[in-house]
C-alpha atoms as a PDB file:
ATOM      1  CA  GLU A   1      29.796  68.924  21.234  1.00  0.00           C
ATOM      2  CA  ARG A   2      32.970  67.038  21.705  1.00  0.00           C
ATOM      3  CA  TRP A   3      33.503  67.882  25.846  1.00  0.00           C
ATOM      4  CA  ALA A   4      29.733  66.505  26.010  1.00  0.00           C
ATOM      5  CA  ILE A   5      30.655  63.185  24.154  1.00  0.00           C
ATOM      6  CA  GLU A   6      33.711  62.821  26.189  1.00  0.00           C
ATOM      7  CA  SER A   7      31.907  64.180  29.601  1.00  0.00           C
ATOM      8  CA  PHE A   8      29.087  60.819  28.667  1.00  0.00           C
ATOM      9  CA  PHE A   9      32.007  58.723  28.130  1.00  0.00           C
ATOM     10  CA  ARG A  10      33.951  59.023  31.357  1.00  0.00           C
ATOM     11  CA  TRP A  11      30.823  58.781  33.033  1.00  0.00           C
ATOM     12  CA  ILE A  12      30.110  55.200  31.067  1.00  0.00           C
ATOM     13  CA  LYS A  13      33.852  53.687  32.347  1.00  0.00           C
ATOM     14  CA  GLN A  14      33.327  55.033  35.774  1.00  0.00           C
ATOM     15  CA  ASN A  15      29.726  54.128  36.738  1.00  0.00           C
ATOM     16  CA  LEU A  16      29.050  51.400  33.670  1.00  0.00           C
ATOM     17  CA  ASN A  17      32.424  49.536  34.311  1.00  0.00           C
ATOM     18  CA  VAL A  18      33.118  49.398  30.453  1.00  0.00           C
ATOM     19  CA  PRO A  19      37.074  50.744  30.506  1.00  0.00           C
ATOM     20  CA  VAL A  20      37.296  49.431  26.841  1.00  0.00           C
ATOM     21  CA  LEU A  21      34.789  48.883  23.517  1.00  0.00           C
ATOM     22  CA  PHE A  22      35.416  45.533  22.480  1.00  0.00           C
ATOM     23  CA  GLY A  23      33.959  45.849  19.286  1.00  0.00           C
ATOM     24  CA  THR A  24      35.241  48.546  16.640  1.00  0.00           C
ATOM     25  CA  THR A  25      31.654  48.973  14.455  1.00  0.00           C
ATOM     26  CA  GLU A  26      28.713  50.851  15.449  1.00  0.00           C
ATOM     27  CA  ASN A  27      26.569  48.201  16.392  1.00  0.00           C
ATOM     28  CA  ALA A  28      28.704  46.397  18.608  1.00  0.00           C
ATOM     29  CA  VAL A  29      29.432  49.639  20.156  1.00  0.00           C
ATOM     30  CA  PHE A  30      25.680  50.546  21.071  1.00  0.00           C
ATOM     31  CA  ASN A  31      25.668  46.865  21.957  1.00  0.00           C
ATOM     32  CA  GLN A  32      28.106  47.099  24.976  1.00  0.00           C
ATOM     33  CA  LEU A  33      26.508  50.320  25.693  1.00  0.00           C
ATOM     34  CA  PHE A  34      22.927  49.190  25.903  1.00  0.00           C
ATOM     35  CA  ALA A  35      24.038  45.997  28.122  1.00  0.00           C
ATOM     36  CA  ALA A  36      25.924  47.903  30.181  1.00  0.00           C
ATOM     37  CA  LEU A  37      22.854  50.321  30.769  1.00  0.00           C
ATOM     38  CA  ILE A  38      20.254  47.729  31.217  1.00  0.00           C
ATOM     39  CA  ALA A  39      22.699  46.154  33.747  1.00  0.00           C
ATOM     40  CA  TYR A  40      23.204  49.647  35.586  1.00  0.00           C
ATOM     41  CA  VAL A  41      19.573  50.515  35.678  1.00  0.00           C
ATOM     42  CA  LEU A  42      18.615  46.767  37.190  1.00  0.00           C
ATOM     43  CA  LEU A  43      20.920  47.236  39.670  1.00  0.00           C
ATOM     44  CA  LYS A  44      20.314  50.849  40.204  1.00  0.00           C
ATOM     45  CA  PHE A  45      16.440  49.591  40.897  1.00  0.00           C
ATOM     46  CA  LEU A  46      17.167  46.929  43.035  1.00  0.00           C
ATOM     47  CA  GLN A  47      19.555  49.260  45.196  1.00  0.00           C
ATOM     48  CA  THR A  48      16.734  51.906  45.323  1.00  0.00           C
ATOM     49  CA  GLU A  49      13.804  49.567  46.351  1.00  0.00           C
ATOM     50  CA  GLY A  50      16.198  47.538  49.114  1.00  0.00           C
ATOM     51  CA  HIS A  51      17.056  50.965  50.926  1.00  0.00           C
ATOM     52  CA  LYS A  52      12.958  50.827  50.971  1.00  0.00           C
ATOM     53  CA  LYS A  53      12.828  48.064  52.987  1.00  0.00           C
ATOM     54  CA  LYS A  54      12.931  48.644  56.875  1.00  0.00           C
ATOM     55  CA  HIS A  55      14.910  45.803  57.979  1.00  0.00           C
ATOM     56  CA  CYS A  56      18.204  46.753  55.330  1.00  0.00           C
ATOM     57  CA  LYS A  57      20.987  48.656  56.014  1.00  0.00           C
ATOM     58  CA  ARG A  58      22.155  51.905  54.189  1.00  0.00           C
ATOM     59  CA  LEU A  59      24.639  50.416  51.180  1.00  0.00           C
ATOM     60  CA  SER A  60      25.679  52.947  48.643  1.00  0.00           C
ATOM     61  CA  PHE A  61      25.281  52.255  45.204  1.00  0.00           C
ATOM     62  CA  ALA A  62      29.253  51.519  44.483  1.00  0.00           C
ATOM     63  CA  GLY A  63      28.882  49.288  47.665  1.00  0.00           C
ATOM     64  CA  PHE A  64      25.747  47.294  46.971  1.00  0.00           C
ATOM     65  CA  THR A  65      26.982  46.789  43.572  1.00  0.00           C
ATOM     66  CA  ARG A  66      30.730  44.946  45.042  1.00  0.00           C
ATOM     67  CA  GLN A  67      28.674  43.419  47.310  1.00  0.00           C
ATOM     68  CA  LEU A  68      26.083  42.054  45.338  1.00  0.00           C
ATOM     69  CA  LEU A  69      28.804  40.660  42.724  1.00  0.00           C
ATOM     70  CA  CYS A  70      30.818  39.238  45.526  1.00  0.00           C
ATOM     71  CA  ASP A  71      28.186  37.328  47.157  1.00  0.00           C
ATOM     72  CA  THR A  72      28.868  39.245  50.303  1.00  0.00           C
ATOM     73  CA  LEU A  73      25.465  40.910  50.802  1.00  0.00           C
ATOM     74  CA  PRO A  74      24.298  40.940  54.275  1.00  0.00           C
ATOM     75  CA  ILE A  75      21.291  38.436  54.766  1.00  0.00           C
ATOM     76  CA  GLU A  76      18.610  41.285  55.568  1.00  0.00           C
ATOM     77  CA  TRP A  77      19.771  42.569  51.753  1.00  0.00           C
ATOM     78  CA  ARG A  78      19.337  38.921  50.163  1.00  0.00           C
ATOM     79  CA  ILE A  79      15.875  38.599  52.244  1.00  0.00           C
ATOM     80  CA  GLY A  80      15.141  42.143  50.623  1.00  0.00           C
ATOM     81  CA  LEU A  81      16.124  41.590  47.177  1.00  0.00           C
ATOM     82  CA  LYS A  82      14.500  38.291  47.116  1.00  0.00           C
ATOM     83  CA  GLU A  83      11.148  39.794  48.083  1.00  0.00           C
ATOM     84  CA  ILE A  84      11.401  42.350  45.316  1.00  0.00           C
ATOM     85  CA  VAL A  85      12.004  40.086  42.724  1.00  0.00           C
ATOM     86  CA  GLU A  86       9.299  37.803  43.739  1.00  0.00           C
ATOM     87  CA  CYS A  87       6.703  40.695  43.949  1.00  0.00           C
ATOM     88  CA  HIS A  88       7.926  41.842  40.229  1.00  0.00           C
ATOM     89  CA  ARG A  89       7.742  38.541  39.266  1.00  0.00           C
ATOM     90  CA  GLU A  90       4.019  37.573  40.191  1.00  0.00           C
ATOM     91  CA  LEU A  91       3.267  41.356  38.815  1.00  0.00           C
ATOM     92  CA  TYR A  92       4.341  41.256  35.643  1.00  0.00           C
ATOM     93  CA  GLN A  93       4.350  37.528  35.232  1.00  0.00           C
ATOM     94  CA  ILE A  94       2.516  36.822  31.342  1.00  0.00           C
ATOM     95  CA  ASP A  95       0.169  33.552  30.746  1.00  0.00           C
ATOM     96  CA  ILE A  96       1.487  32.422  27.888  1.00  0.00           C
ATOM     97  CA  GLY A  97      -0.329  29.104  27.696  1.00  0.00           C
END
């Protein structure tokens, strides 16, 4: 069981960019891990949907994330991501008024 836990935390450190846990309480650890997992899933979704666009060149997940965070994504990716976000914004928009 300990090996599974060690493997899980190694994956988190490598894939979620969580080199250290900032809190020591159970709640702080859960919050940091959940935030990292949510960010990972959203980035993976955007990268996967972007690959479905015909005009977007192939990018690895690490390359996509690096370019997105450094604001250096190619223009075709920026256009594709804007289309994806707009489509889902319209699809899931809830009428509050």
